[in-house]
Amino acid sequence: MLTERQRMILTAIVDDYIRSAEPVGSRSISKRGDVGYSPATIRNEMADLEELGFLEQPHTSAGRIPSHKGYRYYVDHMMPLNRLTSDELATMKSFYAEKLNATEQVIQHAGTILSHMTNYTSILLGPEVFHTSLRHFQLLSLNETTAVAIIVTNTGQVENKTVTIPPGVSISEMEKVVNLLNHRLAGVPIYKLKSALYNEIGQEMQRHIDHFEDLMKVLDEALDSDGTEGQRLFLSGTTNMLTQPEFRDVNKVKSILDLLEETPTLMKMLASAQAGTGIQVRIGTENKHEAFANCSLITATYAIEGGAVGTIGILGPTRMEYARVMRILDMLSKDLTEFLSRLH
C-alpha cells in the first residue's frame, strides 16, 4: 500500500512524535541519518501520506502528526521488535523477589510494576470475574417492607443483601420473579447479570409480572455487587495520565478519569480482549468509547492452573511507546501466569 520511502518517512514521524510530543517537520526528518532524502522530497511524501489518511496537520503548525490510521499501520507493519534493556529486565525480576501469597497481592504488584515501568495507567482484571456465574438466586421476605436477596455462585460464594420491598408487591409476585430469574439467568457470569436482566427477561417480566417497574428496581439493587467487582479490577498509575502533554489540561482528561471509575464499563472493555490471542492493541476510536478516543489500550491475557483467564492492560495516549509497552506487557503477562500457577 505504501512505498518503501513512505514507510520510512511515516516511521520517522511516528518515532519522533512519540519522543517529542511535537509536530514533526520535513527538515527535522531530513537531518536523520537513516532517511537520506531532501526536505522537499519529504514534504511531498508527507503531503501524500496526509492525503491517504496516515498523517494529520495541526492547524497551529506546519509539521505533521500521526493519525490513528498511521499508528495502526505502524503497529501492524513497521514497529521494531527490540528486546528489553538490562534495567528493564532487572525491574521485571523484582516481581519474583516479593513474597506474595495471595492472588490479589500478585495482581496488584504486577499492576504497580507495569505502571511504574511505562509511566502509563495499568488495568488488571482478576481471572475469577469471568468464571464466576449465577447458580441460584433467592429473595426471602423478612417483613412487609424488607427482604434479603441471596446470590449463590458456581464457585460456592454466597452474597447477601438487604433490599426494600415496594408497597403493594406480594410474596407470590416475588416468587414468580425469582423463578423466572433462576430459570433464565442461571449460568450467566455475575458481571453480566444486570445487563442480562434487562436484555433477556425484562420484556417477559413486563408481560407477566404485576408491579414490573417496582420489582425491576428491587432486582437492580439486589444484583448490584456493591463493589465486589471492583475488588477484582485493579488500577495503578491513574494520575500518570496527567503527566502526558496531551492531557495536562485537566478538563480534557476528566472524562478519562471518570471512565476509569466505572468498573462495569472497564470490565466489558477488558472482557472483549478475551476473544483474541496474544497482545491486543486498540488505538483511538477502536476502543469504542468516546472518553478513550484519544487513547490506546494494549492488553494481554494471563492464566492460572485450571484454565481461568484474566486480562492485563496499559492505557495511555495514542502517542504511546507501542513497541516498548508491548514487550513489557508480553513478558509480565507470562510472569504473572507463572507466578499465579505456583499459588494454586
C-alpha atoms as a PDB file:
ATOM      1  CA  MET A   1       0.000   0.000   0.000  1.00  0.00           C
ATOM      2  CA  LEU A   2       2.812   2.398   0.859  1.00  0.00           C
ATOM      3  CA  THR A   3       6.131   2.731  -0.932  1.00  0.00           C
ATOM      4  CA  GLU A   4       9.334   1.951   0.905  1.00  0.00           C
ATOM      5  CA  ARG A   5      10.129   5.686   1.103  1.00  0.00           C
ATOM      6  CA  GLN A   6       6.695   6.486   2.512  1.00  0.00           C
ATOM      7  CA  ARG A   7       7.070   3.725   5.085  1.00  0.00           C
ATOM      8  CA  MET A   8      10.459   5.103   6.132  1.00  0.00           C
ATOM      9  CA  ILE A   9       9.116   8.654   6.477  1.00  0.00           C
ATOM     10  CA  LEU A  10       5.992   7.527   8.356  1.00  0.00           C
ATOM     11  CA  THR A  11       8.145   5.502  10.767  1.00  0.00           C
ATOM     12  CA  ALA A  12      10.407   8.506  11.341  1.00  0.00           C
ATOM     13  CA  ILE A  13       7.422  10.766  12.070  1.00  0.00           C
ATOM     14  CA  VAL A  14       5.843   8.283  14.472  1.00  0.00           C
ATOM     15  CA  ASP A  15       9.132   7.724  16.313  1.00  0.00           C
ATOM     16  CA  ASP A  16       9.885  11.464  16.567  1.00  0.00           C
ATOM     17  CA  TYR A  17       6.373  12.368  17.677  1.00  0.00           C
ATOM     18  CA  ILE A  18       6.295   9.637  20.320  1.00  0.00           C
ATOM     19  CA  ARG A  19       9.533  11.015  21.716  1.00  0.00           C
ATOM     20  CA  SER A  20       8.869  14.772  21.490  1.00  0.00           C
ATOM     21  CA  ALA A  21       5.062  15.176  21.501  1.00  0.00           C
ATOM     22  CA  GLU A  22       5.638  17.981  18.958  1.00  0.00           C
ATOM     23  CA  PRO A  23       4.521  18.024  15.305  1.00  0.00           C
ATOM     24  CA  VAL A  24       7.300  16.774  13.040  1.00  0.00           C
ATOM     25  CA  GLY A  25       8.577  18.825  10.089  1.00  0.00           C
ATOM     26  CA  SER A  26      10.361  17.759   6.919  1.00  0.00           C
ATOM     27  CA  ARG A  27      13.610  19.474   7.871  1.00  0.00           C
ATOM     28  CA  SER A  28      13.981  17.555  11.139  1.00  0.00           C
ATOM     29  CA  ILE A  29      13.374  14.258   9.324  1.00  0.00           C
ATOM     30  CA  SER A  30      15.942  15.092   6.629  1.00  0.00           C
ATOM     31  CA  LYS A  31      18.585  15.514   9.336  1.00  0.00           C
ATOM     32  CA  ARG A  32      18.148  11.939  10.491  1.00  0.00           C
ATOM     33  CA  GLY A  33      20.973   9.712   9.349  1.00  0.00           C
ATOM     34  CA  ASP A  34      18.644   6.846   8.422  1.00  0.00           C
ATOM     35  CA  VAL A  35      16.452   8.795   5.967  1.00  0.00           C
ATOM     36  CA  GLY A  36      18.685  10.399   3.323  1.00  0.00           C
ATOM     37  CA  TYR A  37      16.076  12.480   1.442  1.00  0.00           C
ATOM     38  CA  SER A  38      15.853  16.229   0.907  1.00  0.00           C
ATOM     39  CA  PRO A  39      13.299  18.348   2.821  1.00  0.00           C
ATOM     40  CA  ALA A  40      11.442  18.993  -0.447  1.00  0.00           C
ATOM     41  CA  THR A  41      11.101  15.286  -1.225  1.00  0.00           C
ATOM     42  CA  ILE A  42       9.990  14.583   2.324  1.00  0.00           C
ATOM     43  CA  ARG A  43       7.410  17.384   2.195  1.00  0.00           C
ATOM     44  CA  ASN A  44       5.881  15.887  -0.937  1.00  0.00           C
ATOM     45  CA  GLU A  45       5.692  12.447   0.645  1.00  0.00           C
ATOM     46  CA  MET A  46       4.218  13.904   3.836  1.00  0.00           C
ATOM     47  CA  ALA A  47       1.511  15.602   1.770  1.00  0.00           C
ATOM     48  CA  ASP A  48       0.716  12.282   0.092  1.00  0.00           C
ATOM     49  CA  LEU A  49       0.642  10.464   3.449  1.00  0.00           C
ATOM     50  CA  GLU A  50      -1.726  13.110   4.782  1.00  0.00           C
ATOM     51  CA  GLU A  51      -3.990  12.691   1.760  1.00  0.00           C
ATOM     52  CA  LEU A  52      -4.003   8.933   2.358  1.00  0.00           C
ATOM     53  CA  GLY A  53      -5.049   9.494   5.970  1.00  0.00           C
ATOM     54  CA  PHE A  54      -1.840   8.386   7.695  1.00  0.00           C
ATOM     55  CA  LEU A  55      -0.853  11.878   8.897  1.00  0.00           C
ATOM     56  CA  GLU A  56      -2.626  14.934  10.251  1.00  0.00           C
ATOM     57  CA  GLN A  57      -1.555  18.581  10.280  1.00  0.00           C
ATOM     58  CA  PRO A  58      -2.496  20.566  13.395  1.00  0.00           C
ATOM     59  CA  HIS A  59      -3.769  23.986  12.379  1.00  0.00           C
ATOM     60  CA  THR A  60      -1.159  25.709  14.541  1.00  0.00           C
ATOM     61  CA  SER A  61       1.848  24.028  12.989  1.00  0.00           C
ATOM     62  CA  ALA A  62       3.481  23.268   9.658  1.00  0.00           C
ATOM     63  CA  GLY A  63       4.568  19.870  10.983  1.00  0.00           C
ATOM     64  CA  ARG A  64       2.593  16.634  10.858  1.00  0.00           C
ATOM     65  CA  ILE A  65       1.499  14.140  13.496  1.00  0.00           C
ATOM     66  CA  PRO A  66       0.387  10.518  13.021  1.00  0.00           C
ATOM     67  CA  SER A  67      -3.334   9.848  12.661  1.00  0.00           C
ATOM     68  CA  HIS A  68      -4.996   6.823  14.267  1.00  0.00           C
ATOM     69  CA  LYS A  69      -4.674   5.128  10.885  1.00  0.00           C
ATOM     70  CA  GLY A  70      -0.971   5.975  10.838  1.00  0.00           C
ATOM     71  CA  TYR A  71      -0.437   4.491  14.284  1.00  0.00           C
ATOM     72  CA  ARG A  72      -2.336   1.352  13.272  1.00  0.00           C
ATOM     73  CA  TYR A  73      -0.161   0.885  10.180  1.00  0.00           C
ATOM     74  CA  TYR A  74       2.953   1.474  12.281  1.00  0.00           C
ATOM     75  CA  VAL A  75       1.924  -1.125  14.872  1.00  0.00           C
ATOM     76  CA  ASP A  76       0.861  -3.701  12.289  1.00  0.00           C
ATOM     77  CA  HIS A  77       3.694  -3.339   9.767  1.00  0.00           C
ATOM     78  CA  MET A  78       6.673  -1.264  10.879  1.00  0.00           C
ATOM     79  CA  MET A  79       7.173  -1.404  14.624  1.00  0.00           C
ATOM     80  CA  PRO A  80      10.643  -2.537  15.725  1.00  0.00           C
ATOM     81  CA  LEU A  81      10.807  -5.654  17.910  1.00  0.00           C
ATOM     82  CA  ASN A  82      13.700  -4.904  20.233  1.00  0.00           C
ATOM     83  CA  ARG A  83      14.469  -6.756  23.436  1.00  0.00           C
ATOM     84  CA  LEU A  84      14.094  -5.332  26.924  1.00  0.00           C
ATOM     85  CA  THR A  85      17.078  -3.426  28.314  1.00  0.00           C
ATOM     86  CA  SER A  86      19.103  -4.754  31.229  1.00  0.00           C
ATOM     87  CA  ASP A  87      17.452  -2.201  33.561  1.00  0.00           C
ATOM     88  CA  GLU A  88      14.004  -3.264  32.422  1.00  0.00           C
ATOM     89  CA  LEU A  89      14.873  -6.912  32.946  1.00  0.00           C
ATOM     90  CA  ALA A  90      16.140  -6.127  36.433  1.00  0.00           C
ATOM     91  CA  THR A  91      12.848  -4.415  37.277  1.00  0.00           C
ATOM     92  CA  MET A  92      10.923  -7.397  35.978  1.00  0.00           C
ATOM     93  CA  LYS A  93      12.973  -9.742  38.148  1.00  0.00           C
ATOM     94  CA  SER A  94      11.781  -7.798  41.184  1.00  0.00           C
ATOM     95  CA  PHE A  95       8.390  -9.352  40.500  1.00  0.00           C
ATOM     96  CA  TYR A  96       9.733 -12.639  41.813  1.00  0.00           C
ATOM     97  CA  ALA A  97      11.597 -11.067  44.726  1.00  0.00           C
ATOM     98  CA  GLU A  98       8.402 -10.126  46.560  1.00  0.00           C
ATOM     99  CA  LYS A  99       6.970 -12.645  48.999  1.00  0.00           C
ATOM    100  CA  LEU A 100       3.354 -12.715  47.894  1.00  0.00           C
ATOM    101  CA  ASN A 101       0.942 -15.443  48.866  1.00  0.00           C
ATOM    102  CA  ALA A 102      -2.462 -14.298  47.555  1.00  0.00           C
ATOM    103  CA  THR A 103      -3.780 -13.828  44.032  1.00  0.00           C
ATOM    104  CA  GLU A 104      -4.911 -10.254  44.684  1.00  0.00           C
ATOM    105  CA  GLN A 105      -1.492  -9.315  46.065  1.00  0.00           C
ATOM    106  CA  VAL A 106       0.216 -10.705  42.968  1.00  0.00           C
ATOM    107  CA  ILE A 107      -2.139  -8.881  40.587  1.00  0.00           C
ATOM    108  CA  GLN A 108      -1.776  -5.581  42.442  1.00  0.00           C
ATOM    109  CA  HIS A 109       2.010  -5.911  42.469  1.00  0.00           C
ATOM    110  CA  ALA A 110       2.061  -6.640  38.737  1.00  0.00           C
ATOM    111  CA  GLY A 111      -0.044  -3.548  38.091  1.00  0.00           C
ATOM    112  CA  THR A 112       2.312  -1.374  40.136  1.00  0.00           C
ATOM    113  CA  ILE A 113       5.356  -2.649  38.230  1.00  0.00           C
ATOM    114  CA  LEU A 114       3.620  -2.132  34.897  1.00  0.00           C
ATOM    115  CA  SER A 115       2.554   1.462  35.574  1.00  0.00           C
ATOM    116  CA  HIS A 116       5.974   2.296  37.034  1.00  0.00           C
ATOM    117  CA  MET A 117       7.886   0.930  34.042  1.00  0.00           C
ATOM    118  CA  THR A 118       5.679   2.538  31.384  1.00  0.00           C
ATOM    119  CA  ASN A 119       4.519   5.725  33.131  1.00  0.00           C
ATOM    120  CA  TYR A 120       1.024   4.933  31.868  1.00  0.00           C
ATOM    121  CA  THR A 121      -2.070   3.556  33.636  1.00  0.00           C
ATOM    122  CA  SER A 122      -2.258  -0.189  34.232  1.00  0.00           C
ATOM    123  CA  ILE A 123      -5.581  -2.036  34.394  1.00  0.00           C
ATOM    124  CA  LEU A 124      -5.748  -5.639  35.571  1.00  0.00           C
ATOM    125  CA  LEU A 125      -8.769  -7.865  35.792  1.00  0.00           C
ATOM    126  CA  GLY A 126      -8.720 -10.919  38.034  1.00  0.00           C
ATOM    127  CA  PRO A 127      -9.409 -14.249  36.308  1.00  0.00           C
ATOM    128  CA  GLU A 128     -12.238 -15.236  38.620  1.00  0.00           C
ATOM    129  CA  VAL A 129     -14.503 -12.477  37.335  1.00  0.00           C
ATOM    130  CA  PHE A 130     -15.029 -14.289  34.025  1.00  0.00           C
ATOM    131  CA  HIS A 131     -15.601 -17.690  35.603  1.00  0.00           C
ATOM    132  CA  THR A 132     -17.984 -16.758  38.418  1.00  0.00           C
ATOM    133  CA  SER A 133     -21.601 -17.266  37.351  1.00  0.00           C
ATOM    134  CA  LEU A 134     -25.025 -17.411  38.949  1.00  0.00           C
ATOM    135  CA  ARG A 135     -26.044 -20.769  40.386  1.00  0.00           C
ATOM    136  CA  HIS A 136     -29.090 -19.704  42.371  1.00  0.00           C
ATOM    137  CA  PHE A 137     -30.946 -16.547  43.394  1.00  0.00           C
ATOM    138  CA  GLN A 138     -33.346 -16.224  46.304  1.00  0.00           C
ATOM    139  CA  LEU A 139     -35.426 -13.381  47.712  1.00  0.00           C
ATOM    140  CA  LEU A 140     -36.542 -14.008  51.315  1.00  0.00           C
ATOM    141  CA  SER A 141     -39.082 -11.730  52.934  1.00  0.00           C
ATOM    142  CA  LEU A 142     -38.148 -10.544  56.437  1.00  0.00           C
ATOM    143  CA  ASN A 143     -41.254  -8.403  56.925  1.00  0.00           C
ATOM    144  CA  GLU A 144     -43.700  -6.350  54.842  1.00  0.00           C
ATOM    145  CA  THR A 145     -41.062  -3.848  53.768  1.00  0.00           C
ATOM    146  CA  THR A 146     -37.741  -5.724  53.782  1.00  0.00           C
ATOM    147  CA  ALA A 147     -36.275  -8.798  52.123  1.00  0.00           C
ATOM    148  CA  VAL A 148     -32.871 -10.439  51.818  1.00  0.00           C
ATOM    149  CA  ALA A 149     -31.511 -11.129  48.349  1.00  0.00           C
ATOM    150  CA  ILE A 150     -29.214 -14.164  48.275  1.00  0.00           C
ATOM    151  CA  ILE A 151     -26.889 -14.855  45.348  1.00  0.00           C
ATOM    152  CA  VAL A 152     -25.089 -18.205  45.178  1.00  0.00           C
ATOM    153  CA  THR A 153     -22.338 -18.540  42.577  1.00  0.00           C
ATOM    154  CA  ASN A 154     -20.969 -21.588  40.802  1.00  0.00           C
ATOM    155  CA  THR A 155     -17.858 -21.327  42.991  1.00  0.00           C
ATOM    156  CA  GLY A 156     -19.947 -21.634  46.150  1.00  0.00           C
ATOM    157  CA  GLN A 157     -19.671 -17.989  47.125  1.00  0.00           C
ATOM    158  CA  VAL A 158     -22.777 -16.603  48.842  1.00  0.00           C
ATOM    159  CA  GLU A 159     -23.639 -12.903  48.823  1.00  0.00           C
ATOM    160  CA  ASN A 160     -26.455 -11.439  50.920  1.00  0.00           C
ATOM    161  CA  LYS A 161     -28.020  -8.029  50.512  1.00  0.00           C
ATOM    162  CA  THR A 162     -30.971  -6.385  52.237  1.00  0.00           C
ATOM    163  CA  VAL A 163     -33.459  -4.753  49.848  1.00  0.00           C
ATOM    164  CA  THR A 164     -36.646  -2.762  50.290  1.00  0.00           C
ATOM    165  CA  ILE A 165     -39.963  -4.287  49.158  1.00  0.00           C
ATOM    166  CA  PRO A 166     -42.099  -1.684  47.340  1.00  0.00           C
ATOM    167  CA  PRO A 167     -45.652  -1.140  48.633  1.00  0.00           C
ATOM    168  CA  GLY A 168     -48.221  -3.438  47.042  1.00  0.00           C
ATOM    169  CA  VAL A 169     -45.765  -6.145  45.924  1.00  0.00           C
ATOM    170  CA  SER A 170     -46.971  -9.580  47.058  1.00  0.00           C
ATOM    171  CA  ILE A 171     -44.934 -12.620  48.028  1.00  0.00           C
ATOM    172  CA  SER A 172     -46.392 -14.521  45.058  1.00  0.00           C
ATOM    173  CA  GLU A 173     -45.120 -11.839  42.662  1.00  0.00           C
ATOM    174  CA  MET A 174     -41.673 -12.060  44.222  1.00  0.00           C
ATOM    175  CA  GLU A 175     -41.715 -15.845  43.817  1.00  0.00           C
ATOM    176  CA  LYS A 176     -42.626 -15.525  40.111  1.00  0.00           C
ATOM    177  CA  VAL A 177     -39.716 -13.168  39.575  1.00  0.00           C
ATOM    178  CA  VAL A 178     -37.267 -15.409  41.430  1.00  0.00           C
ATOM    179  CA  ASN A 179     -38.357 -18.498  39.481  1.00  0.00           C
ATOM    180  CA  LEU A 180     -38.059 -16.666  36.166  1.00  0.00           C
ATOM    181  CA  LEU A 181     -34.641 -15.289  37.043  1.00  0.00           C
ATOM    182  CA  ASN A 182     -33.303 -18.703  38.106  1.00  0.00           C
ATOM    183  CA  HIS A 183     -34.746 -20.363  35.005  1.00  0.00           C
ATOM    184  CA  ARG A 184     -33.368 -17.841  32.505  1.00  0.00           C
ATOM    185  CA  LEU A 185     -30.184 -16.481  34.108  1.00  0.00           C
ATOM    186  CA  ALA A 186     -28.593 -19.485  35.837  1.00  0.00           C
ATOM    187  CA  GLY A 187     -25.082 -19.866  34.438  1.00  0.00           C
ATOM    188  CA  VAL A 188     -24.768 -16.235  33.361  1.00  0.00           C
ATOM    189  CA  PRO A 189     -21.492 -14.617  34.535  1.00  0.00           C
ATOM    190  CA  ILE A 190     -22.029 -12.420  37.574  1.00  0.00           C
ATOM    191  CA  TYR A 191     -20.657  -9.320  35.858  1.00  0.00           C
ATOM    192  CA  LYS A 192     -23.267  -9.714  33.067  1.00  0.00           C
ATOM    193  CA  LEU A 193     -26.281 -10.289  35.312  1.00  0.00           C
ATOM    194  CA  LYS A 194     -27.644  -6.751  35.327  1.00  0.00           C
ATOM    195  CA  SER A 195     -27.447  -6.321  31.565  1.00  0.00           C
ATOM    196  CA  ALA A 196     -28.963  -9.798  31.064  1.00  0.00           C
ATOM    197  CA  LEU A 197     -31.795  -8.879  33.419  1.00  0.00           C
ATOM    198  CA  TYR A 198     -32.882  -6.042  31.142  1.00  0.00           C
ATOM    199  CA  ASN A 199     -31.965  -7.549  27.775  1.00  0.00           C
ATOM    200  CA  GLU A 200     -33.135 -11.139  28.240  1.00  0.00           C
ATOM    201  CA  ILE A 201     -36.046 -11.228  30.687  1.00  0.00           C
ATOM    202  CA  GLY A 202     -37.146  -7.615  31.047  1.00  0.00           C
ATOM    203  CA  GLN A 203     -39.836  -7.805  28.345  1.00  0.00           C
ATOM    204  CA  GLU A 204     -41.124 -11.147  29.612  1.00  0.00           C
ATOM    205  CA  MET A 205     -41.439  -9.754  33.131  1.00  0.00           C
ATOM    206  CA  GLN A 206     -43.291  -6.735  31.800  1.00  0.00           C
ATOM    207  CA  ARG A 207     -45.891  -9.003  30.173  1.00  0.00           C
ATOM    208  CA  HIS A 208     -46.455 -11.408  33.048  1.00  0.00           C
ATOM    209  CA  ILE A 209     -45.493  -9.651  36.307  1.00  0.00           C
ATOM    210  CA  ASP A 210     -47.543  -7.029  38.114  1.00  0.00           C
ATOM    211  CA  HIS A 211     -45.653  -4.079  39.576  1.00  0.00           C
ATOM    212  CA  PHE A 212     -42.987  -4.719  36.928  1.00  0.00           C
ATOM    213  CA  GLU A 213     -41.108  -1.438  37.340  1.00  0.00           C
ATOM    214  CA  ASP A 214     -41.022  -1.690  41.145  1.00  0.00           C
ATOM    215  CA  LEU A 215     -39.688  -5.251  41.036  1.00  0.00           C
ATOM    216  CA  MET A 216     -37.072  -4.344  38.434  1.00  0.00           C
ATOM    217  CA  LYS A 217     -35.753  -1.708  40.838  1.00  0.00           C
ATOM    218  CA  VAL A 218     -35.555  -4.352  43.579  1.00  0.00           C
ATOM    219  CA  LEU A 219     -33.634  -6.732  41.322  1.00  0.00           C
ATOM    220  CA  ASP A 220     -31.355  -3.946  40.105  1.00  0.00           C
ATOM    221  CA  GLU A 221     -30.493  -3.179  43.722  1.00  0.00           C
ATOM    222  CA  ALA A 222     -30.112  -6.865  44.610  1.00  0.00           C
ATOM    223  CA  LEU A 223     -27.749  -7.581  41.716  1.00  0.00           C
ATOM    224  CA  ASP A 224     -25.591  -4.541  42.377  1.00  0.00           C
ATOM    225  CA  SER A 225     -22.394  -6.191  43.582  1.00  0.00           C
ATOM    226  CA  ASP A 226     -21.676  -3.150  45.754  1.00  0.00           C
ATOM    227  CA  GLY A 227     -18.012  -3.061  44.836  1.00  0.00           C
ATOM    228  CA  THR A 228     -17.243  -6.775  44.748  1.00  0.00           C
ATOM    229  CA  GLU A 229     -16.474  -6.400  41.048  1.00  0.00           C
ATOM    230  CA  GLY A 230     -14.146  -3.533  41.853  1.00  0.00           C
ATOM    231  CA  GLN A 231     -12.170  -5.786  44.163  1.00  0.00           C
ATOM    232  CA  ARG A 232     -11.262  -7.842  41.108  1.00  0.00           C
ATOM    233  CA  LEU A 233     -10.399  -4.819  38.963  1.00  0.00           C
ATOM    234  CA  PHE A 234      -7.068  -3.218  39.832  1.00  0.00           C
ATOM    235  CA  LEU A 235      -5.822   0.161  38.624  1.00  0.00           C
ATOM    236  CA  SER A 236      -2.358   1.585  39.121  1.00  0.00           C
ATOM    237  CA  GLY A 237      -0.837   4.862  37.955  1.00  0.00           C
ATOM    238  CA  THR A 238      -4.143   6.547  37.187  1.00  0.00           C
ATOM    239  CA  THR A 239      -2.662  10.014  37.653  1.00  0.00           C
ATOM    240  CA  ASN A 240       0.103   9.157  35.174  1.00  0.00           C
ATOM    241  CA  MET A 241      -2.331  10.410  32.531  1.00  0.00           C
ATOM    242  CA  LEU A 242      -1.809  13.922  33.862  1.00  0.00           C
ATOM    243  CA  THR A 243       1.914  13.749  33.117  1.00  0.00           C
ATOM    244  CA  GLN A 244       1.310  13.294  29.385  1.00  0.00           C
ATOM    245  CA  PRO A 245       1.474  16.529  27.339  1.00  0.00           C
ATOM    246  CA  GLU A 246      -1.843  15.718  25.641  1.00  0.00           C
ATOM    247  CA  PHE A 247      -3.664  15.544  28.955  1.00  0.00           C
ATOM    248  CA  ARG A 248      -2.183  18.344  31.042  1.00  0.00           C
ATOM    249  CA  ASP A 249      -5.462  20.198  30.698  1.00  0.00           C
ATOM    250  CA  VAL A 250      -7.470  18.581  33.499  1.00  0.00           C
ATOM    251  CA  ASN A 251     -10.750  19.287  31.687  1.00  0.00           C
ATOM    252  CA  LYS A 252      -9.560  17.197  28.747  1.00  0.00           C
ATOM    253  CA  VAL A 253      -8.581  14.255  30.900  1.00  0.00           C
ATOM    254  CA  LYS A 254     -11.607  14.393  33.210  1.00  0.00           C
ATOM    255  CA  SER A 255     -13.712  12.116  31.008  1.00  0.00           C
ATOM    256  CA  ILE A 256     -10.887   9.549  31.006  1.00  0.00           C
ATOM    257  CA  LEU A 257     -10.536   9.643  34.785  1.00  0.00           C
ATOM    258  CA  ASP A 258     -14.320   9.386  35.165  1.00  0.00           C
ATOM    259  CA  LEU A 259     -14.414   6.296  32.937  1.00  0.00           C
ATOM    260  CA  LEU A 260     -11.623   4.678  34.947  1.00  0.00           C
ATOM    261  CA  GLU A 261     -14.009   4.796  37.911  1.00  0.00           C
ATOM    262  CA  GLU A 262     -16.769   2.968  36.020  1.00  0.00           C
ATOM    263  CA  THR A 263     -15.961  -0.625  36.895  1.00  0.00           C
ATOM    264  CA  PRO A 264     -18.642  -2.356  34.753  1.00  0.00           C
ATOM    265  CA  THR A 265     -17.639  -0.393  31.623  1.00  0.00           C
ATOM    266  CA  LEU A 266     -13.961  -1.203  32.073  1.00  0.00           C
ATOM    267  CA  MET A 267     -14.775  -4.842  32.704  1.00  0.00           C
ATOM    268  CA  LYS A 268     -16.692  -5.077  29.415  1.00  0.00           C
ATOM    269  CA  MET A 269     -13.817  -3.450  27.539  1.00  0.00           C
ATOM    270  CA  LEU A 270     -11.303  -5.864  29.037  1.00  0.00           C
ATOM    271  CA  ALA A 271     -13.645  -8.810  28.571  1.00  0.00           C
ATOM    272  CA  SER A 272     -13.586  -8.236  24.813  1.00  0.00           C
ATOM    273  CA  ALA A 273      -9.818  -8.813  24.915  1.00  0.00           C
ATOM    274  CA  GLN A 274     -10.512 -12.410  25.933  1.00  0.00           C
ATOM    275  CA  ALA A 275     -11.703 -13.183  22.414  1.00  0.00           C
ATOM    276  CA  GLY A 276      -8.278 -12.591  20.871  1.00  0.00           C
ATOM    277  CA  THR A 277      -4.907 -14.173  21.383  1.00  0.00           C
ATOM    278  CA  GLY A 278      -1.563 -12.600  22.170  1.00  0.00           C
ATOM    279  CA  ILE A 279      -1.158  -8.851  22.515  1.00  0.00           C
ATOM    280  CA  GLN A 280      -4.219  -6.808  21.505  1.00  0.00           C
ATOM    281  CA  VAL A 281      -3.795  -3.130  20.527  1.00  0.00           C
ATOM    282  CA  ARG A 282      -6.793  -0.808  20.243  1.00  0.00           C
ATOM    283  CA  ILE A 283      -5.997   2.689  19.017  1.00  0.00           C
ATOM    284  CA  GLY A 284      -8.221   5.742  19.468  1.00  0.00           C
ATOM    285  CA  THR A 285     -11.775   5.157  18.293  1.00  0.00           C
ATOM    286  CA  GLU A 286     -11.135   1.397  18.087  1.00  0.00           C
ATOM    287  CA  ASN A 287     -11.821   1.452  21.842  1.00  0.00           C
ATOM    288  CA  LYS A 288     -15.488   2.208  21.036  1.00  0.00           C
ATOM    289  CA  HIS A 289     -15.832   4.655  23.909  1.00  0.00           C
ATOM    290  CA  GLU A 290     -15.724   8.408  23.442  1.00  0.00           C
ATOM    291  CA  ALA A 291     -13.648   9.006  26.571  1.00  0.00           C
ATOM    292  CA  PHE A 292     -10.862   6.819  25.154  1.00  0.00           C
ATOM    293  CA  ALA A 293     -10.989   8.311  21.644  1.00  0.00           C
ATOM    294  CA  ASN A 294      -7.520   9.813  22.093  1.00  0.00           C
ATOM    295  CA  CYS A 295      -6.075   6.859  23.986  1.00  0.00           C
ATOM    296  CA  SER A 296      -4.616   3.491  23.128  1.00  0.00           C
ATOM    297  CA  LEU A 297      -5.351   0.366  25.155  1.00  0.00           C
ATOM    298  CA  ILE A 298      -2.924  -2.541  24.912  1.00  0.00           C
ATOM    299  CA  THR A 299      -3.957  -5.807  26.554  1.00  0.00           C
ATOM    300  CA  ALA A 300      -2.675  -9.322  27.102  1.00  0.00           C
ATOM    301  CA  THR A 301      -4.137 -12.300  28.923  1.00  0.00           C
ATOM    302  CA  TYR A 302      -2.731 -14.347  31.766  1.00  0.00           C
ATOM    303  CA  ALA A 303      -3.927 -17.612  33.216  1.00  0.00           C
ATOM    304  CA  ILE A 304      -3.771 -19.782  36.311  1.00  0.00           C
ATOM    305  CA  GLU A 305      -3.933 -23.515  36.706  1.00  0.00           C
ATOM    306  CA  GLY A 306      -7.356 -24.818  35.754  1.00  0.00           C
ATOM    307  CA  GLY A 307      -7.781 -22.507  32.777  1.00  0.00           C
ATOM    308  CA  ALA A 308      -9.046 -19.357  34.497  1.00  0.00           C
ATOM    309  CA  VAL A 309      -8.038 -16.343  32.428  1.00  0.00           C
ATOM    310  CA  GLY A 310      -7.557 -12.688  33.371  1.00  0.00           C
ATOM    311  CA  THR A 311      -6.565  -9.552  31.486  1.00  0.00           C
ATOM    312  CA  ILE A 312      -3.664  -7.171  31.993  1.00  0.00           C
ATOM    313  CA  GLY A 313      -3.658  -3.875  30.135  1.00  0.00           C
ATOM    314  CA  ILE A 314      -1.995  -0.500  29.667  1.00  0.00           C
ATOM    315  CA  LEU A 315      -3.896   2.700  28.886  1.00  0.00           C
ATOM    316  CA  GLY A 316      -2.055   5.713  27.531  1.00  0.00           C
ATOM    317  CA  PRO A 317      -2.236   8.381  24.831  1.00  0.00           C
ATOM    318  CA  THR A 318      -2.240   7.349  21.174  1.00  0.00           C
ATOM    319  CA  ARG A 319       1.297   8.778  21.197  1.00  0.00           C
ATOM    320  CA  MET A 320       2.404   5.693  23.079  1.00  0.00           C
ATOM    321  CA  GLU A 321       5.691   3.808  23.069  1.00  0.00           C
ATOM    322  CA  TYR A 322       3.992   0.842  21.442  1.00  0.00           C
ATOM    323  CA  ALA A 323       7.000  -1.403  20.910  1.00  0.00           C
ATOM    324  CA  ARG A 324       8.338  -0.983  24.441  1.00  0.00           C
ATOM    325  CA  VAL A 325       4.942  -1.324  26.122  1.00  0.00           C
ATOM    326  CA  MET A 326       4.115  -4.450  24.141  1.00  0.00           C
ATOM    327  CA  ARG A 327       7.440  -6.057  25.069  1.00  0.00           C
ATOM    328  CA  ILE A 328       6.933  -5.303  28.760  1.00  0.00           C
ATOM    329  CA  LEU A 329       3.308  -6.414  28.698  1.00  0.00           C
ATOM    330  CA  ASP A 330       4.148  -9.662  26.937  1.00  0.00           C
ATOM    331  CA  MET A 331       6.831 -10.581  29.463  1.00  0.00           C
ATOM    332  CA  LEU A 332       4.847  -9.504  32.519  1.00  0.00           C
ATOM    333  CA  SER A 333       1.732 -11.417  31.441  1.00  0.00           C
ATOM    334  CA  LYS A 334       3.850 -14.564  31.133  1.00  0.00           C
ATOM    335  CA  ASP A 335       5.484 -13.906  34.517  1.00  0.00           C
ATOM    336  CA  LEU A 336       2.052 -13.346  36.051  1.00  0.00           C
ATOM    337  CA  THR A 337       0.822 -16.653  34.663  1.00  0.00           C
ATOM    338  CA  GLU A 338       3.845 -18.479  36.081  1.00  0.00           C
ATOM    339  CA  PHE A 339       3.672 -16.780  39.467  1.00  0.00           C
ATOM    340  CA  LEU A 340      -0.063 -17.379  39.927  1.00  0.00           C
ATOM    341  CA  SER A 341       0.266 -21.025  38.910  1.00  0.00           C
ATOM    342  CA  ARG A 342       2.606 -21.519  41.868  1.00  0.00           C
ATOM    343  CA  LEU A 343      -0.100 -20.307  44.232  1.00  0.00           C
ATOM    344  CA  HIS A 344      -2.792 -22.725  43.021  1.00  0.00           C
END
